Protein backbone atom coordinates (compact mmCIF):
# COMPACT_ATOMS: atom_id res chain seq x y z
CA MET A 1 -24.94 11.07 -45.83
CA THR A 2 -23.43 14.23 -46.36
CA SER A 3 -19.17 15.02 -46.10
CA ARG A 4 -19.89 16.99 -42.93
CA LEU A 5 -21.39 13.26 -41.16
CA ILE A 6 -19.12 11.55 -42.38
CA ALA A 7 -15.93 13.81 -41.17
CA ARG A 8 -17.88 13.84 -37.62
CA LEU A 9 -18.34 10.41 -37.52
CA THR A 10 -14.83 9.17 -39.21
CA PHE A 11 -12.95 11.42 -36.44
CA ARG A 12 -15.26 11.05 -33.72
CA ARG A 13 -13.20 9.81 -30.12
CA PRO A 14 -13.96 7.70 -27.87
CA PRO A 15 -14.10 9.07 -24.04
CA PRO A 16 -10.94 8.28 -22.62
CA VAL A 17 -10.43 5.69 -20.08
CA VAL A 18 -8.83 5.82 -16.59
CA GLY A 19 -7.82 2.59 -15.10
CA VAL A 20 -8.44 2.22 -10.60
CA ILE A 21 -6.67 -0.40 -9.19
CA ARG A 22 -7.22 0.11 -4.78
CA LEU A 23 -4.94 -0.26 -2.89
CA ALA A 24 -5.88 -1.30 0.29
CA GLY A 25 -5.26 -2.33 3.41
CA VAL A 26 -1.96 -3.72 5.64
CA ILE A 27 0.95 -4.26 2.87
CA GLY A 28 2.59 -8.15 3.99
CA GLN A 29 3.11 -11.29 2.45
CA GLY A 30 1.68 -13.06 4.93
CA GLY A 31 1.46 -14.92 8.19
CA LEU A 32 -0.55 -12.67 10.41
CA LEU A 33 -1.15 -10.19 7.56
CA ARG A 34 -2.78 -12.96 5.28
CA GLY A 35 -4.87 -11.25 3.12
CA GLY A 36 -2.60 -7.62 2.56
CA LEU A 37 -1.83 -6.52 0.24
CA ASN A 38 1.55 -7.94 -2.17
CA LEU A 39 2.94 -8.19 -5.09
CA GLU A 40 1.82 -11.59 -6.15
CA THR A 41 -1.39 -10.69 -5.84
CA LEU A 42 -1.69 -7.60 -6.85
CA ALA A 43 0.45 -7.77 -10.11
CA PRO A 44 -2.21 -8.98 -12.63
CA LEU A 45 -4.06 -6.40 -11.72
CA ILE A 46 -1.70 -4.25 -12.70
CA GLU A 47 -0.76 -5.36 -15.71
CA ARG A 48 -3.98 -5.56 -16.78
CA ALA A 49 -5.36 -2.32 -15.93
CA PHE A 50 -2.29 -1.11 -18.00
CA ARG A 51 -3.47 -2.86 -21.01
CA LEU A 52 -7.16 -1.36 -21.27
CA PRO A 53 -8.42 -0.35 -24.36
CA GLY A 54 -8.14 3.61 -24.54
CA LEU A 55 -5.96 4.01 -21.63
CA GLU A 56 -5.44 7.75 -21.30
CA ALA A 57 -4.50 7.85 -16.92
CA ILE A 58 -3.92 4.88 -14.10
CA ALA A 59 -5.96 6.10 -11.06
CA LEU A 60 -4.07 4.26 -7.30
CA SER A 61 -6.87 4.50 -4.57
CA ILE A 62 -4.96 3.92 -1.39
CA ASN A 63 -6.21 3.22 2.02
CA SER A 64 -2.90 2.05 3.81
CA PRO A 65 -1.88 2.18 7.17
CA GLY A 66 2.06 0.50 5.81
CA GLY A 67 4.11 -2.75 6.66
CA SER A 68 6.11 -4.88 4.53
CA PRO A 69 8.78 -2.30 3.05
CA ALA A 70 9.80 -5.31 1.06
CA GLN A 71 6.07 -5.39 -0.54
CA SER A 72 6.35 -1.53 -0.55
CA ALA A 73 8.87 -1.74 -2.83
CA LEU A 74 7.98 -3.85 -5.01
CA ILE A 75 4.65 -2.49 -5.83
CA GLN A 76 5.92 0.85 -6.28
CA ARG A 77 8.52 -0.15 -8.69
CA ARG A 78 5.89 -2.33 -10.65
CA ILE A 79 3.90 0.37 -11.55
CA ARG A 80 6.58 2.95 -12.29
CA ASP A 81 7.92 0.00 -14.51
CA LEU A 82 4.36 0.08 -16.05
CA ALA A 83 4.07 3.67 -16.21
CA ILE A 84 7.57 4.62 -17.94
CA GLU A 85 7.23 1.92 -20.37
CA ARG A 86 3.96 2.81 -21.87
CA GLU A 87 4.16 6.64 -20.68
CA VAL A 88 0.78 6.87 -19.38
CA PRO A 89 0.84 9.23 -16.17
CA VAL A 90 -0.27 7.61 -12.77
CA MET A 91 -2.41 9.84 -10.26
CA ALA A 92 -2.88 8.52 -6.15
CA PHE A 93 -5.99 9.45 -4.51
CA VAL A 94 -5.54 9.18 -0.70
CA GLU A 95 -8.77 8.08 1.52
CA ASP A 96 -8.57 7.82 4.88
CA VAL A 97 -4.80 7.05 5.36
CA ALA A 98 -1.10 6.86 2.90
CA ALA A 99 1.74 6.35 5.73
CA SER A 100 4.67 4.52 5.72
CA GLY A 101 4.33 1.95 3.44
CA GLY A 102 1.38 2.98 2.15
CA TYR A 103 2.89 6.72 1.52
CA TRP A 104 5.58 4.35 -0.28
CA LEU A 105 2.81 3.04 -2.74
CA ALA A 106 1.30 6.56 -3.44
CA CYS A 107 5.08 7.69 -4.67
CA ALA A 108 4.50 5.66 -7.36
CA ALA A 109 1.84 8.56 -8.49
CA ASP A 110 3.06 11.29 -10.38
CA GLU A 111 0.50 13.62 -8.23
CA ILE A 112 -1.10 12.87 -5.05
CA PHE A 113 -4.59 14.03 -4.26
CA ILE A 114 -6.17 13.55 -0.60
CA ASN A 115 -9.05 14.44 1.18
CA ASP A 116 -9.18 17.70 3.60
CA ASN A 117 -9.32 14.57 6.77
CA SER A 118 -6.93 12.16 5.15
CA ILE A 119 -3.61 11.18 6.75
CA LEU A 120 -0.12 11.50 4.96
CA GLY A 121 2.90 10.65 5.99
CA SER A 122 5.12 8.03 8.86
CA ILE A 123 8.10 8.00 6.63
CA GLY A 124 9.79 5.58 9.45
CA VAL A 125 10.35 2.45 10.62
CA ILE A 126 9.25 0.54 13.51
CA SER A 127 9.73 -3.11 14.78
CA ALA A 128 7.43 -4.08 17.97
CA GLY A 129 7.69 -7.15 19.76
CA PHE A 130 7.55 -8.88 23.58
CA GLY A 131 9.73 -10.03 26.03
CA PHE A 132 8.67 -12.98 28.17
CA SER A 133 12.24 -13.63 29.70
CA ASP A 134 11.01 -12.76 33.62
CA ALA A 135 7.53 -14.51 32.29
CA ILE A 136 9.29 -18.21 31.83
CA GLU A 137 11.64 -18.34 34.56
CA LYS A 138 8.74 -17.74 36.56
CA LEU A 139 6.99 -20.01 34.98
CA GLY A 140 10.29 -22.47 36.17
CA ILE A 141 10.26 -23.06 31.88
CA GLU A 142 13.78 -23.34 30.44
CA ARG A 143 14.26 -22.61 27.04
CA ARG A 144 16.46 -24.53 24.78
CA LEU A 145 18.15 -23.13 21.69
CA HIS A 146 21.10 -23.90 19.64
CA THR A 147 22.05 -22.75 16.23
CA GLN A 148 25.05 -22.80 14.02
CA GLY A 149 26.01 -19.26 13.29
CA GLY A 150 26.57 -16.49 16.33
CA LYS A 151 24.35 -14.51 14.83
CA LYS A 152 21.60 -16.68 13.83
CA SER A 153 19.10 -15.56 17.10
CA LEU A 154 18.35 -12.09 16.97
CA LEU A 155 15.84 -10.58 19.58
CA ASP A 156 14.74 -13.69 20.79
CA PRO A 157 11.45 -12.87 22.90
CA PHE A 158 12.16 -15.49 25.38
CA ARG A 159 16.19 -14.36 26.73
CA PRO A 160 16.80 -10.84 27.95
CA GLU A 161 17.46 -8.10 25.33
CA ARG A 162 20.89 -7.82 23.78
CA PRO A 163 22.70 -4.94 23.01
CA GLU A 164 24.50 -6.41 19.65
CA ASP A 165 21.20 -7.40 19.32
CA VAL A 166 19.80 -4.14 19.46
CA ALA A 167 22.05 -2.51 17.57
CA ARG A 168 21.97 -5.16 14.54
CA LEU A 169 18.05 -4.60 14.14
CA GLU A 170 18.92 -0.80 14.24
CA ASN A 171 21.32 -0.28 11.48
CA VAL A 172 19.13 -2.81 9.33
CA GLN A 173 16.05 -0.40 10.34
CA ARG A 174 18.04 3.01 9.59
CA GLN A 175 19.32 1.08 5.99
CA ILE A 176 15.40 1.40 5.36
CA HIS A 177 15.17 4.09 6.34
CA ASP A 178 17.69 5.40 3.78
CA ASN A 179 15.95 3.75 1.02
CA PHE A 180 12.07 5.18 2.03
CA LYS A 181 13.74 8.56 1.63
CA GLU A 182 15.79 8.72 -1.01
CA LEU A 183 12.96 6.94 -2.49
CA VAL A 184 10.70 10.79 -1.19
CA ARG A 185 13.44 13.06 -2.47
CA SER A 186 13.57 11.51 -5.82
CA ARG A 187 9.42 11.36 -5.73
CA ARG A 188 8.43 14.73 -4.97
CA GLY A 189 11.68 17.03 -5.27
CA GLN A 190 11.67 20.74 -4.82
CA ARG A 191 7.46 19.99 -3.91
CA LEU A 192 9.29 18.86 -0.50
CA SER A 193 9.02 22.51 1.82
CA LEU A 194 9.94 20.70 4.92
CA ALA A 195 13.19 20.39 7.07
CA GLU A 196 14.53 16.87 6.62
CA GLU A 197 14.53 16.12 9.89
CA GLU A 198 10.94 17.06 10.32
CA LEU A 199 9.60 15.16 7.11
CA PHE A 200 11.50 12.29 8.14
CA SER A 201 11.17 12.06 11.89
CA GLY A 202 7.86 9.52 11.58
CA ASP A 203 5.67 11.88 11.78
CA PHE A 204 2.28 12.16 9.79
CA TRP A 205 0.11 15.51 9.31
CA LEU A 206 -3.26 16.15 7.97
CA GLY A 207 -5.05 17.50 3.84
CA ALA A 208 -4.22 20.79 3.46
CA ARG A 209 -0.76 20.67 5.62
CA ALA A 210 -0.13 17.39 3.77
CA VAL A 211 -0.21 19.68 0.95
CA GLU A 212 1.58 22.97 1.77
CA ILE A 213 5.17 20.55 2.74
CA GLY A 214 4.86 19.13 -0.91
CA LEU A 215 3.93 15.07 0.28
CA ALA A 216 0.26 15.66 -2.10
CA ASP A 217 -0.39 18.44 -4.74
CA GLY A 218 -3.75 18.55 -3.87
CA LEU A 219 -7.16 18.27 -1.90
CA GLY A 220 -9.45 15.82 -4.56
CA ASP A 221 -11.69 12.91 -4.77
CA ILE A 222 -10.97 10.92 -7.19
CA ARG A 223 -14.76 11.33 -9.59
CA GLY A 224 -14.13 14.82 -9.00
CA THR A 225 -10.51 15.23 -10.36
CA LEU A 226 -10.75 13.13 -13.69
CA ARG A 227 -14.47 14.74 -14.36
CA GLU A 228 -12.42 18.20 -14.17
CA ARG A 229 -9.02 16.42 -16.07
CA TYR A 230 -10.36 14.16 -18.31
CA GLY A 231 -14.09 15.68 -19.04
CA LYS A 232 -17.35 14.44 -18.13
CA LYS A 233 -17.15 11.07 -20.49
CA VAL A 234 -14.99 10.50 -18.54
CA ARG A 235 -14.63 6.23 -18.20
CA ILE A 236 -12.96 5.19 -15.19
CA ARG A 237 -12.85 1.49 -15.09
CA THR A 238 -11.93 -0.78 -11.63
CA VAL A 239 -9.13 -3.49 -11.83
CA ALA A 240 -10.73 -6.01 -9.13
CA ARG A 241 -9.90 -9.81 -8.85
CA ARG A 242 -12.28 -12.11 -10.58
CA PRO A 243 -14.41 -14.33 -8.23
CA GLY A 244 -13.86 -18.01 -8.49
CA TRP A 245 -15.69 -20.46 -10.13
CA LEU A 246 -18.11 -21.56 -7.48
CA ARG A 247 -18.05 -18.38 -5.94
CA ARG A 248 -19.74 -16.86 -9.07
CA ARG A 249 -22.39 -20.00 -9.90
CA PHE A 250 -23.36 -20.51 -6.16
CA GLY A 251 -22.23 -17.77 -4.35
CA PHE A 252 -19.32 -19.57 -2.41
CA GLY A 253 -16.37 -21.45 -2.32
CA GLY A 254 -13.49 -18.67 -1.56
CA THR A 255 -13.82 -15.10 -0.65
CA PRO A 256 -11.60 -12.28 -1.92
CA PHE A 257 -10.52 -10.24 1.44
CA GLY A 258 -12.92 -10.64 3.21
CA ALA A 259 -14.26 -9.18 6.35
CA LEU A 260 -11.64 -11.35 8.78
CA GLY A 261 -9.15 -10.40 5.86
CA ALA A 262 -8.77 -14.17 4.05
CA PRO A 263 -7.16 -14.21 0.80
CA PHE A 264 -8.21 -14.88 -2.05
CA GLY A 265 -9.92 -18.45 -3.02
CA ALA A 266 -9.54 -19.31 0.79
CA PRO A 267 -12.71 -21.47 2.11
CA ASP A 268 -15.06 -19.38 3.89
CA GLY A 269 -14.64 -20.24 7.63
CA GLY A 270 -11.54 -22.07 6.90
CA GLY A 271 -8.85 -20.77 9.20
CA LEU A 272 -11.18 -18.60 11.69
CA ILE A 273 -8.06 -18.74 13.92
CA ASP A 274 -5.59 -17.00 11.45
CA ASN A 275 -8.16 -14.86 9.88
CA LEU A 276 -8.97 -13.42 13.30
CA LEU A 277 -5.25 -13.05 14.23
CA ALA A 278 -4.95 -11.15 11.07
CA SER A 279 -7.76 -9.27 11.92
CA VAL A 280 -6.22 -7.73 15.12
CA GLU A 281 -2.44 -7.41 13.28
CA ALA A 282 -4.24 -5.05 11.09
CA ARG A 283 -6.77 -3.20 13.52
CA ALA A 284 -3.05 -2.62 15.65
CA TRP A 285 -1.70 -0.79 12.31
CA TRP A 286 -4.73 0.99 11.84
CA SER A 287 -4.73 2.66 15.55
CA ARG A 288 -1.70 3.73 14.95
CA PHE A 289 -3.15 6.73 13.01
CA GLY A 290 -6.43 7.09 15.62
CA LEU A 291 -9.00 4.95 12.76
């Protein structure tokens, strides 16, 4: 074996590896948002992605209309902590939408890439509900509620809305909105070119306009951008939850975020009502952006 061949074999670098973490769906801990994105289910995937051998970068594949601000912050913080700890750059690639909490997740990335038709923004806070006080009165139903603590009951849907309850809710929303704005300022910095009154109004923007105002860095899809950045031999490794033993062996016994939004490990067909409600809740989040 010649010295030239030995040198070539010795110094040949393996192809770069980019770990892909998919963040798709409504962000939430539980309840009607069963099957949504939350730190409990995502933490093992995030950790595994950052431990891939030969890792050059992490790519976040995002498609989320938002959800829980707390879970958005927890997921974003975990990704940033690992990126700093491992000294690995993070890129986000937006599909249909990264709005509200979905954009909060995108702020975990050093660079954000979108499609011409991607929706970004909605940097605001929303709370919605129903009031049934007139309905139960007409039906002759008496509401009985007993609490310890004068402020324990907030915006009871079976009682008329009270100004002091609305003021308390608005105060909470204002604090969350301030946290959201500070995150966007810290992550996007001088790339932002739109006046804050408009940028943080809850409005959202499409594709090239989102790039123009600094919410994103460029147009591009995950495969094309990564091949351009790291070469055609780049290995794109998607990190996903492993199905349970019964599903691997027989094809049943649990479903990871199936069509009805069932959480991983839930019996197929089990909790059908909960899953249908979860689908309705998720549909309401997506419909805010015409999707």
